[in-house]
C-alpha atoms as a PDB file:
ATOM      1  CA  MET A   1    -119.020  21.865  87.820  1.00  0.00           C
ATOM      2  CA  LYS A   2    -122.030  19.638  87.258  1.00  0.00           C
ATOM      3  CA  MET A   3    -124.941  20.582  89.544  1.00  0.00           C
ATOM      4  CA  VAL A   4    -127.787  18.651  91.208  1.00  0.00           C
ATOM      5  CA  LYS A   5    -130.878  19.934  92.979  1.00  0.00           C
ATOM      6  CA  ILE A   6    -131.838  18.498  96.290  1.00  0.00           C
ATOM      7  CA  ASN A   7    -134.657  20.104  98.316  1.00  0.00           C
ATOM      8  CA  HIS A   8    -134.761  23.121  96.057  1.00  0.00           C
ATOM      9  CA  ARG A   9    -131.080  23.820  96.528  1.00  0.00           C
ATOM     10  CA  ASN A  10    -128.483  23.625  93.762  1.00  0.00           C
ATOM     11  CA  LEU A  11    -125.518  21.819  94.787  1.00  0.00           C
ATOM     12  CA  PRO A  12    -122.199  20.721  93.143  1.00  0.00           C
ATOM     13  CA  ALA A  13    -122.654  17.082  92.035  1.00  0.00           C
ATOM     14  CA  VAL A  14    -119.436  15.864  93.648  1.00  0.00           C
ATOM     15  CA  GLY A  15    -119.754  15.764  97.396  1.00  0.00           C
ATOM     16  CA  ILE A  16    -117.601  14.383 100.335  1.00  0.00           C
ATOM     17  CA  GLY A  17    -117.959  10.870 101.722  1.00  0.00           C
ATOM     18  CA  THR A  18    -116.704  10.148 105.188  1.00  0.00           C
ATOM     19  CA  TRP A  19    -117.073   6.367 105.676  1.00  0.00           C
ATOM     20  CA  ASN A  20    -114.079   5.289 107.739  1.00  0.00           C
ATOM     21  CA  LEU A  21    -112.838   8.873 108.207  1.00  0.00           C
ATOM     22  CA  GLY A  22    -111.696   9.501 111.856  1.00  0.00           C
ATOM     23  CA  ASP A  23    -111.024   5.891 112.600  1.00  0.00           C
ATOM     24  CA  SER A  24    -107.350   6.381 113.237  1.00  0.00           C
ATOM     25  CA  SER A  25    -105.686   9.111 115.123  1.00  0.00           C
ATOM     26  CA  THR A  26    -102.536   8.788 113.005  1.00  0.00           C
ATOM     27  CA  THR A  27    -104.476   9.830 109.797  1.00  0.00           C
ATOM     28  CA  ARG A  28    -106.870  12.334 111.494  1.00  0.00           C
ATOM     29  CA  GLN A  29    -105.002  15.528 110.450  1.00  0.00           C
ATOM     30  CA  ASP A  30    -104.675  14.458 106.901  1.00  0.00           C
ATOM     31  CA  GLU A  31    -108.317  13.476 106.741  1.00  0.00           C
ATOM     32  CA  ILE A  32    -109.436  16.871 108.150  1.00  0.00           C
ATOM     33  CA  ALA A  33    -107.086  18.583 105.574  1.00  0.00           C
ATOM     34  CA  ALA A  34    -108.551  16.571 102.724  1.00  0.00           C
ATOM     35  CA  VAL A  35    -112.132  17.613 103.752  1.00  0.00           C
ATOM     36  CA  GLN A  36    -111.038  21.185 103.817  1.00  0.00           C
ATOM     37  CA  ALA A  37    -109.328  20.909 100.522  1.00  0.00           C
ATOM     38  CA  ALA A  38    -112.457  19.553  98.931  1.00  0.00           C
ATOM     39  CA  ILE A  39    -114.609  22.427 100.298  1.00  0.00           C
ATOM     40  CA  ASN A  40    -112.020  24.954  99.053  1.00  0.00           C
ATOM     41  CA  ALA A  41    -112.064  23.273  95.666  1.00  0.00           C
ATOM     42  CA  GLY A  42    -115.764  23.665  95.351  1.00  0.00           C
ATOM     43  CA  ALA A  43    -117.553  20.735  97.231  1.00  0.00           C
ATOM     44  CA  ARG A  44    -120.408  21.782  99.460  1.00  0.00           C
ATOM     45  CA  VAL A  45    -122.049  18.286 100.365  1.00  0.00           C
ATOM     46  CA  ILE A  46    -120.533  16.330 103.290  1.00  0.00           C
ATOM     47  CA  ASP A  47    -122.234  12.876 103.927  1.00  0.00           C
ATOM     48  CA  THR A  48    -121.845  11.298 107.346  1.00  0.00           C
ATOM     49  CA  ALA A  49    -123.670   8.927 109.678  1.00  0.00           C
ATOM     50  CA  GLU A  50    -123.974   7.973 113.291  1.00  0.00           C
ATOM     51  CA  MET A  51    -122.676   4.447 112.407  1.00  0.00           C
ATOM     52  CA  TYR A  52    -119.431   5.637 110.882  1.00  0.00           C
ATOM     53  CA  GLY A  53    -116.991   4.941 113.670  1.00  0.00           C
ATOM     54  CA  ASN A  54    -119.734   5.326 116.295  1.00  0.00           C
ATOM     55  CA  GLY A  55    -119.512   9.083 115.909  1.00  0.00           C
ATOM     56  CA  ARG A  56    -115.811   9.479 115.068  1.00  0.00           C
ATOM     57  CA  SER A  57    -116.695  10.571 111.615  1.00  0.00           C
ATOM     58  CA  GLU A  58    -119.113  13.037 112.865  1.00  0.00           C
ATOM     59  CA  LYS A  59    -116.517  14.378 115.270  1.00  0.00           C
ATOM     60  CA  LEU A  60    -113.896  14.781 112.500  1.00  0.00           C
ATOM     61  CA  ILE A  61    -116.421  16.659 110.428  1.00  0.00           C
ATOM     62  CA  SER A  62    -117.125  18.963 113.285  1.00  0.00           C
ATOM     63  CA  GLN A  63    -113.421  20.049 113.333  1.00  0.00           C
ATOM     64  CA  ALA A  64    -113.024  20.152 109.587  1.00  0.00           C
ATOM     65  CA  ILE A  65    -116.003  22.572 109.001  1.00  0.00           C
ATOM     66  CA  GLN A  66    -114.958  25.051 111.679  1.00  0.00           C
ATOM     67  CA  PRO A  67    -113.391  27.552 109.287  1.00  0.00           C
ATOM     68  CA  PHE A  68    -116.361  27.583 107.013  1.00  0.00           C
ATOM     69  CA  ASN A  69    -119.741  29.218 106.923  1.00  0.00           C
ATOM     70  CA  ARG A  70    -122.166  26.569 107.916  1.00  0.00           C
ATOM     71  CA  GLU A  71    -124.861  28.042 105.658  1.00  0.00           C
ATOM     72  CA  ASP A  72    -122.574  27.395 102.712  1.00  0.00           C
ATOM     73  CA  LEU A  73    -122.387  23.626 103.435  1.00  0.00           C
ATOM     74  CA  PHE A  74    -125.004  21.005 102.913  1.00  0.00           C
ATOM     75  CA  ILE A  75    -124.650  18.306 105.543  1.00  0.00           C
ATOM     76  CA  ILE A  76    -126.079  14.882 105.424  1.00  0.00           C
ATOM     77  CA  ASP A  77    -126.458  12.474 108.462  1.00  0.00           C
ATOM     78  CA  LYS A  78    -128.003   9.078 108.765  1.00  0.00           C
ATOM     79  CA  VAL A  79    -129.966   7.223 111.606  1.00  0.00           C
ATOM     80  CA  LEU A  80    -129.475   3.487 112.019  1.00  0.00           C
ATOM     81  CA  PRO A  81    -132.795   1.561 111.505  1.00  0.00           C
ATOM     82  CA  SER A  82    -132.644   0.338 115.166  1.00  0.00           C
ATOM     83  CA  ASN A  83    -132.902   4.067 116.231  1.00  0.00           C
ATOM     84  CA  ALA A  84    -135.420   5.203 113.674  1.00  0.00           C
ATOM     85  CA  GLY A  85    -138.601   5.179 115.756  1.00  0.00           C
ATOM     86  CA  LYS A  86    -140.537   7.136 118.154  1.00  0.00           C
ATOM     87  CA  ALA A  87    -138.503   5.963 121.153  1.00  0.00           C
ATOM     88  CA  ASN A  88    -135.035   6.859 119.850  1.00  0.00           C
ATOM     89  CA  LEU A  89    -134.821   8.958 116.647  1.00  0.00           C
ATOM     90  CA  GLU A  90    -134.944  12.411 118.238  1.00  0.00           C
ATOM     91  CA  HIS A  91    -132.432  11.282 120.821  1.00  0.00           C
ATOM     92  CA  ARG A  92    -129.941   9.938 118.206  1.00  0.00           C
ATOM     93  CA  LEU A  93    -130.559  12.995 116.058  1.00  0.00           C
ATOM     94  CA  ASP A  94    -129.689  15.395 118.869  1.00  0.00           C
ATOM     95  CA  ARG A  95    -126.482  13.290 119.628  1.00  0.00           C
ATOM     96  CA  SER A  96    -125.511  13.461 115.858  1.00  0.00           C
ATOM     97  CA  LEU A  97    -126.096  17.278 115.831  1.00  0.00           C
ATOM     98  CA  LYS A  98    -123.839  17.676 118.864  1.00  0.00           C
ATOM     99  CA  MET A  99    -121.220  15.414 117.251  1.00  0.00           C
ATOM    100  CA  VAL A 100    -121.130  17.479 114.188  1.00  0.00           C
ATOM    101  CA  GLY A 101    -121.577  20.815 115.956  1.00  0.00           C
ATOM    102  CA  THR A 102    -124.518  22.118 114.212  1.00  0.00           C
ATOM    103  CA  ASP A 103    -128.107  23.074 114.957  1.00  0.00           C
ATOM    104  CA  TYR A 104    -129.471  21.218 111.960  1.00  0.00           C
ATOM    105  CA  PHE A 105    -128.903  18.902 109.135  1.00  0.00           C
ATOM    106  CA  ASP A 106    -129.757  19.698 105.582  1.00  0.00           C
ATOM    107  CA  LEU A 107    -130.738  16.196 105.002  1.00  0.00           C
ATOM    108  CA  TYR A 108    -131.291  13.260 107.373  1.00  0.00           C
ATOM    109  CA  LEU A 109    -131.466   9.842 106.083  1.00  0.00           C
ATOM    110  CA  LEU A 110    -132.866   6.445 107.222  1.00  0.00           C
ATOM    111  CA  HIS A 111    -129.605   4.424 106.749  1.00  0.00           C
ATOM    112  CA  TRP A 112    -131.523   1.244 105.715  1.00  0.00           C
ATOM    113  CA  ARG A 113    -134.755  -0.539 106.562  1.00  0.00           C
ATOM    114  CA  GLY A 114    -135.072  -2.416 109.754  1.00  0.00           C
ATOM    115  CA  SER A 115    -137.804  -3.810 112.012  1.00  0.00           C
ATOM    116  CA  ILE A 116    -139.463  -0.511 112.888  1.00  0.00           C
ATOM    117  CA  PRO A 117    -142.418   0.298 110.730  1.00  0.00           C
ATOM    118  CA  LEU A 118    -141.615   2.662 107.791  1.00  0.00           C
ATOM    119  CA  ALA A 119    -144.734   4.582 108.640  1.00  0.00           C
ATOM    120  CA  GLU A 120    -143.350   5.268 112.186  1.00  0.00           C
ATOM    121  CA  THR A 121    -140.107   6.463 110.913  1.00  0.00           C
ATOM    122  CA  VAL A 122    -141.724   8.852 108.490  1.00  0.00           C
ATOM    123  CA  ILE A 123    -143.886  10.402 111.211  1.00  0.00           C
ATOM    124  CA  GLU A 124    -140.690  10.931 113.258  1.00  0.00           C
ATOM    125  CA  LEU A 125    -138.753  12.327 110.402  1.00  0.00           C
ATOM    126  CA  GLU A 126    -141.684  14.721 109.601  1.00  0.00           C
ATOM    127  CA  ARG A 127    -141.792  15.774 113.265  1.00  0.00           C
ATOM    128  CA  MET A 128    -137.964  16.614 113.261  1.00  0.00           C
ATOM    129  CA  GLN A 129    -138.391  18.589 110.126  1.00  0.00           C
ATOM    130  CA  GLN A 130    -141.288  20.628 111.731  1.00  0.00           C
ATOM    131  CA  LYS A 131    -138.936  21.177 114.788  1.00  0.00           C
ATOM    132  CA  GLY A 132    -136.349  22.702 112.487  1.00  0.00           C
ATOM    133  CA  LYS A 133    -133.787  20.007 113.404  1.00  0.00           C
ATOM    134  CA  ILE A 134    -133.518  18.819 109.812  1.00  0.00           C
ATOM    135  CA  LYS A 135    -134.215  20.717 106.534  1.00  0.00           C
ATOM    136  CA  SER A 136    -135.389  17.600 104.777  1.00  0.00           C
ATOM    137  CA  TRP A 137    -135.228  13.930 104.905  1.00  0.00           C
ATOM    138  CA  GLY A 138    -134.648  10.843 102.641  1.00  0.00           C
ATOM    139  CA  VAL A 139    -133.539   7.164 102.741  1.00  0.00           C
ATOM    140  CA  SER A 140    -130.768   4.987 101.861  1.00  0.00           C
ATOM    141  CA  ASN A 141    -130.265   1.501 100.496  1.00  0.00           C
ATOM    142  CA  PHE A 142    -133.840   1.403  99.311  1.00  0.00           C
ATOM    143  CA  ASP A 143    -134.808  -0.487  96.182  1.00  0.00           C
ATOM    144  CA  THR A 144    -137.768   0.129  93.853  1.00  0.00           C
ATOM    145  CA  ALA A 145    -140.213  -1.871  95.981  1.00  0.00           C
ATOM    146  CA  ASP A 146    -139.131   0.025  99.110  1.00  0.00           C
ATOM    147  CA  MET A 147    -139.597   3.479  97.292  1.00  0.00           C
ATOM    148  CA  LYS A 148    -143.057   2.376  95.962  1.00  0.00           C
ATOM    149  CA  GLU A 149    -144.094   1.370  99.534  1.00  0.00           C
ATOM    150  CA  LEU A 150    -142.848   4.651 100.849  1.00  0.00           C
ATOM    151  CA  TRP A 151    -144.695   6.648  98.321  1.00  0.00           C
ATOM    152  CA  LYS A 152    -147.949   5.089  99.552  1.00  0.00           C
ATOM    153  CA  LEU A 153    -147.447   6.233 103.055  1.00  0.00           C
ATOM    154  CA  PRO A 154    -148.919   9.567 104.365  1.00  0.00           C
ATOM    155  CA  ASP A 155    -146.072  12.068 103.750  1.00  0.00           C
ATOM    156  CA  GLY A 156    -143.845   9.334 102.170  1.00  0.00           C
ATOM    157  CA  ASN A 157    -143.492  11.436  98.999  1.00  0.00           C
ATOM    158  CA  HIS A 158    -141.705  14.232 101.043  1.00  0.00           C
ATOM    159  CA  CYS A 159    -138.567  12.020 100.647  1.00  0.00           C
ATOM    160  CA  VAL A 160    -136.035  14.213  98.781  1.00  0.00           C
ATOM    161  CA  ALA A 161    -133.188  11.560  98.023  1.00  0.00           C
ATOM    162  CA  ASN A 162    -132.300   7.999  98.020  1.00  0.00           C
ATOM    163  CA  GLU A 163    -128.579   6.987  98.686  1.00  0.00           C
ATOM    164  CA  ASP A 164    -127.560   3.751  97.059  1.00  0.00           C
ATOM    165  CA  LEU A 165    -124.334   1.994  95.820  1.00  0.00           C
ATOM    166  CA  TYR A 166    -123.560   2.934  92.299  1.00  0.00           C
ATOM    167  CA  ASN A 167    -120.469   2.578  90.289  1.00  0.00           C
ATOM    168  CA  LEU A 168    -119.184   0.865  87.108  1.00  0.00           C
ATOM    169  CA  ASP A 169    -118.999  -2.465  88.778  1.00  0.00           C
ATOM    170  CA  GLU A 170    -122.498  -2.059  90.310  1.00  0.00           C
ATOM    171  CA  ARG A 171    -125.162  -0.768  87.742  1.00  0.00           C
ATOM    172  CA  GLY A 172    -128.028  -2.875  88.812  1.00  0.00           C
ATOM    173  CA  ILE A 173    -130.075   0.194  89.879  1.00  0.00           C
ATOM    174  CA  GLU A 174    -130.293   1.414  86.327  1.00  0.00           C
ATOM    175  CA  TYR A 175    -132.766  -1.294  85.552  1.00  0.00           C
ATOM    176  CA  ASN A 176    -135.884   0.088  87.242  1.00  0.00           C
ATOM    177  CA  LEU A 177    -134.956   1.953  90.292  1.00  0.00           C
ATOM    178  CA  ILE A 178    -133.313   4.962  88.671  1.00  0.00           C
ATOM    179  CA  PRO A 179    -136.047   5.298  86.053  1.00  0.00           C
ATOM    180  CA  TRP A 180    -138.581   5.233  88.959  1.00  0.00           C
ATOM    181  CA  MET A 181    -136.737   7.942  90.874  1.00  0.00           C
ATOM    182  CA  ASN A 182    -136.318  10.008  87.781  1.00  0.00           C
ATOM    183  CA  ASP A 183    -140.040   9.795  87.160  1.00  0.00           C
ATOM    184  CA  HIS A 184    -140.816  10.963  90.756  1.00  0.00           C
ATOM    185  CA  GLN A 185    -137.858  13.595  90.789  1.00  0.00           C
ATOM    186  CA  VAL A 186    -136.053  11.839  93.626  1.00  0.00           C
ATOM    187  CA  PRO A 187    -132.134  12.551  93.197  1.00  0.00           C
ATOM    188  CA  LEU A 188    -129.791   9.561  93.672  1.00  0.00           C
ATOM    189  CA  ILE A 189    -126.880   9.866  96.120  1.00  0.00           C
ATOM    190  CA  ALA A 190    -124.143   7.538  94.781  1.00  0.00           C
ATOM    191  CA  TYR A 191    -122.135   5.906  97.521  1.00  0.00           C
ATOM    192  CA  SER A 192    -118.846   4.175  96.752  1.00  0.00           C
ATOM    193  CA  PRO A 193    -118.600   5.654  93.360  1.00  0.00           C
ATOM    194  CA  LEU A 194    -115.041   4.546  93.169  1.00  0.00           C
ATOM    195  CA  ALA A 195    -115.949   0.890  93.828  1.00  0.00           C
ATOM    196  CA  GLU A 196    -114.121   1.049  97.171  1.00  0.00           C
ATOM    197  CA  ALA A 197    -110.840   1.983  95.377  1.00  0.00           C
ATOM    198  CA  ASP A 198    -111.534  -0.833  92.852  1.00  0.00           C
ATOM    199  CA  THR A 199    -111.644  -3.588  95.504  1.00  0.00           C
ATOM    200  CA  ILE A 200    -115.056  -4.786  94.287  1.00  0.00           C
ATOM    201  CA  SER A 201    -113.825  -6.415  91.082  1.00  0.00           C
ATOM    202  CA  GLY A 202    -110.405  -5.237  90.994  1.00  0.00           C
ATOM    203  CA  LYS A 203    -110.775  -4.795  87.201  1.00  0.00           C
ATOM    204  CA  LEU A 204    -111.292  -1.033  86.792  1.00  0.00           C
ATOM    205  CA  THR A 205    -107.994   0.750  87.240  1.00  0.00           C
ATOM    206  CA  HIS A 206    -106.256  -1.482  84.800  1.00  0.00           C
ATOM    207  CA  ASN A 207    -109.081  -1.398  82.233  1.00  0.00           C
ATOM    208  CA  LYS A 208    -107.770  -0.339  78.742  1.00  0.00           C
ATOM    209  CA  VAL A 209    -111.058   1.556  77.936  1.00  0.00           C
ATOM    210  CA  LEU A 210    -110.973   3.562  81.141  1.00  0.00           C
ATOM    211  CA  GLN A 211    -107.259   4.219  80.698  1.00  0.00           C
ATOM    212  CA  GLU A 212    -107.821   5.529  77.154  1.00  0.00           C
ATOM    213  CA  ILE A 213    -110.616   7.743  78.199  1.00  0.00           C
ATOM    214  CA  ALA A 214    -108.624   9.007  81.185  1.00  0.00           C
ATOM    215  CA  THR A 215    -105.734   9.895  78.798  1.00  0.00           C
ATOM    216  CA  ASN A 216    -108.181  11.839  76.458  1.00  0.00           C
ATOM    217  CA  HIS A 217    -109.205  13.981  79.535  1.00  0.00           C
ATOM    218  CA  SER A 218    -105.821  14.377  81.048  1.00  0.00           C
ATOM    219  CA  ALA A 219    -107.395  12.727  84.052  1.00  0.00           C
ATOM    220  CA  SER A 220    -106.886   9.489  86.211  1.00  0.00           C
ATOM    221  CA  VAL A 221    -109.031   6.540  85.860  1.00  0.00           C
ATOM    222  CA  TYR A 222    -110.555   7.245  89.242  1.00  0.00           C
ATOM    223  CA  GLN A 223    -111.671  10.603  87.987  1.00  0.00           C
ATOM    224  CA  ILE A 224    -113.210   8.987  85.031  1.00  0.00           C
ATOM    225  CA  MET A 225    -114.980   6.413  87.226  1.00  0.00           C
ATOM    226  CA  LEU A 226    -116.330   9.215  89.398  1.00  0.00           C
ATOM    227  CA  ALA A 227    -117.417  11.432  86.401  1.00  0.00           C
ATOM    228  CA  TRP A 228    -119.353   8.416  84.962  1.00  0.00           C
ATOM    229  CA  THR A 229    -121.644   8.325  88.038  1.00  0.00           C
ATOM    230  CA  ILE A 230    -122.824  11.982  87.366  1.00  0.00           C
ATOM    231  CA  ARG A 231    -122.914  11.655  83.692  1.00  0.00           C
ATOM    232  CA  ASN A 232    -126.610  11.990  83.780  1.00  0.00           C
ATOM    233  CA  ASP A 233    -128.560  14.692  85.778  1.00  0.00           C
ATOM    234  CA  ASN A 234    -130.291  14.056  89.143  1.00  0.00           C
ATOM    235  CA  VAL A 235    -127.177  12.393  90.852  1.00  0.00           C
ATOM    236  CA  LEU A 236    -124.974  13.423  93.616  1.00  0.00           C
ATOM    237  CA  THR A 237    -121.786  11.280  94.047  1.00  0.00           C
ATOM    238  CA  ILE A 238    -119.931  11.144  97.320  1.00  0.00           C
ATOM    239  CA  PRO A 239    -116.379   9.816  97.025  1.00  0.00           C
ATOM    240  CA  LYS A 240    -114.217   9.526 100.065  1.00  0.00           C
ATOM    241  CA  ALA A 241    -110.694  10.903 100.197  1.00  0.00           C
ATOM    242  CA  GLY A 242    -108.189  10.879 103.116  1.00  0.00           C
ATOM    243  CA  GLN A 243    -105.526  12.895 101.275  1.00  0.00           C
ATOM    244  CA  LYS A 244    -105.756  16.586 100.103  1.00  0.00           C
ATOM    245  CA  GLU A 245    -104.594  15.824  96.528  1.00  0.00           C
ATOM    246  CA  HIS A 246    -107.238  13.013  96.054  1.00  0.00           C
ATOM    247  CA  ALA A 247    -109.916  15.284  97.509  1.00  0.00           C
ATOM    248  CA  VAL A 248    -109.257  18.010  94.982  1.00  0.00           C
ATOM    249  CA  ASP A 249    -108.979  15.333  92.198  1.00  0.00           C
ATOM    250  CA  ASN A 250    -112.458  14.298  93.082  1.00  0.00           C
ATOM    251  CA  VAL A 251    -114.031  17.663  92.964  1.00  0.00           C
ATOM    252  CA  THR A 252    -112.442  18.595  89.698  1.00  0.00           C
ATOM    253  CA  ALA A 253    -113.722  15.272  88.172  1.00  0.00           C
ATOM    254  CA  GLY A 254    -117.122  17.061  88.203  1.00  0.00           C
ATOM    255  CA  GLN A 255    -115.776  19.158  85.235  1.00  0.00           C
ATOM    256  CA  ILE A 256    -115.441  16.200  82.937  1.00  0.00           C
ATOM    257  CA  THR A 257    -117.954  15.831  80.208  1.00  0.00           C
ATOM    258  CA  PHE A 258    -117.892  12.666  78.055  1.00  0.00           C
ATOM    259  CA  THR A 259    -118.378  12.243  74.389  1.00  0.00           C
ATOM    260  CA  ALA A 260    -121.174  10.063  72.943  1.00  0.00           C
ATOM    261  CA  ASP A 261    -118.421   7.622  71.703  1.00  0.00           C
ATOM    262  CA  GLU A 262    -116.789   7.517  75.135  1.00  0.00           C
ATOM    263  CA  LEU A 263    -120.197   6.811  76.823  1.00  0.00           C
ATOM    264  CA  THR A 264    -120.898   4.014  74.246  1.00  0.00           C
ATOM    265  CA  ALA A 265    -117.644   2.463  74.873  1.00  0.00           C
ATOM    266  CA  LEU A 266    -118.061   2.425  78.633  1.00  0.00           C
ATOM    267  CA  SER A 267    -121.429   0.828  78.240  1.00  0.00           C
ATOM    268  CA  GLN A 268    -120.051  -1.855  75.846  1.00  0.00           C
ATOM    269  CA  GLU A 269    -117.295  -2.573  78.414  1.00  0.00           C
ATOM    270  CA  PHE A 270    -119.558  -2.364  81.472  1.00  0.00           C
ATOM    271  CA  PRO A 271    -123.020  -3.372  80.306  1.00  0.00           C
ATOM    272  CA  THR A 272    -126.208  -1.887  81.603  1.00  0.00           C
ATOM    273  CA  PRO A 273    -128.447  -4.404  83.307  1.00  0.00           C
ATOM    274  CA  THR A 274    -131.021  -6.309  81.158  1.00  0.00           C
ATOM    275  CA  HIS A 275    -132.924  -7.658  84.139  1.00  0.00           C
ATOM    276  CA  LYS A 276    -133.848  -6.871  87.824  1.00  0.00           C
ATOM    277  CA  GLU A 277    -130.870  -7.545  90.127  1.00  0.00           C
ATOM    278  CA  PRO A 278    -130.824  -7.685  94.005  1.00  0.00           C
ATOM    279  CA  LEU A 279    -129.999  -4.262  95.425  1.00  0.00           C
ATOM    280  CA  ALA A 280    -126.075  -4.172  96.020  1.00  0.00           C
ATOM    281  CA  ILE A 281    -125.195  -3.001  99.475  1.00  0.00           C
ATOM    282  CA  ILE A 282    -121.719  -2.433 101.059  1.00  0.00           C
END
């Protein structure tokens, strides 16, 4: 399994995304079983947010992690930008901790930028870390200019990760954001690595190059798409799965290693960006 280091902790590079998990009572038990299957297969990172179902995802995670040692897991949560200031951040953090059923988060992210000054958010995140409610903090949906602005703030360089949309359909961040993050040793957390089950372009699952490479590795096209996001170092990918078999497939995709020819074929089929593109957000 490919590994990534976040806040001095070595972690399997395939984690567990939870967007939309917990939204339906009819699929709840299958989703809990899927999260547990992923952990049993080797995943350690669980990514959730207060926004996901207004806490329903957090509640599902609370139930799913009960059989496991909390110290073995790395739980990420996120605060909405409207709550990311002095007035509300600690209150919302406490609510999320209660929802998940834990005393701390390993990583707490600003979900995206809002009207609250970034400097105020950093002060509050630092305060929560000092109080032991979070082990580290980071950001999400930040572009290169946002990261540069953050780095100029007092303690802004304490940010340990940036979570952005990244998949074969959306490679825009490769132009200058990923190089900047690599230069500053900030890992990328890739969300929607499966392109929302290929609903962004609808062209991935039937692509002949992807199908051929999948055959080469006795894998599915989705596993190839997922493995591609972590082909380089410094990336954690967080696919979502609502079924046990899909969850296990996601984790085992972390063992796929591409040949140079395969990587060249993928770049020819899905070209790298040649200019700055607006940050893609879902």
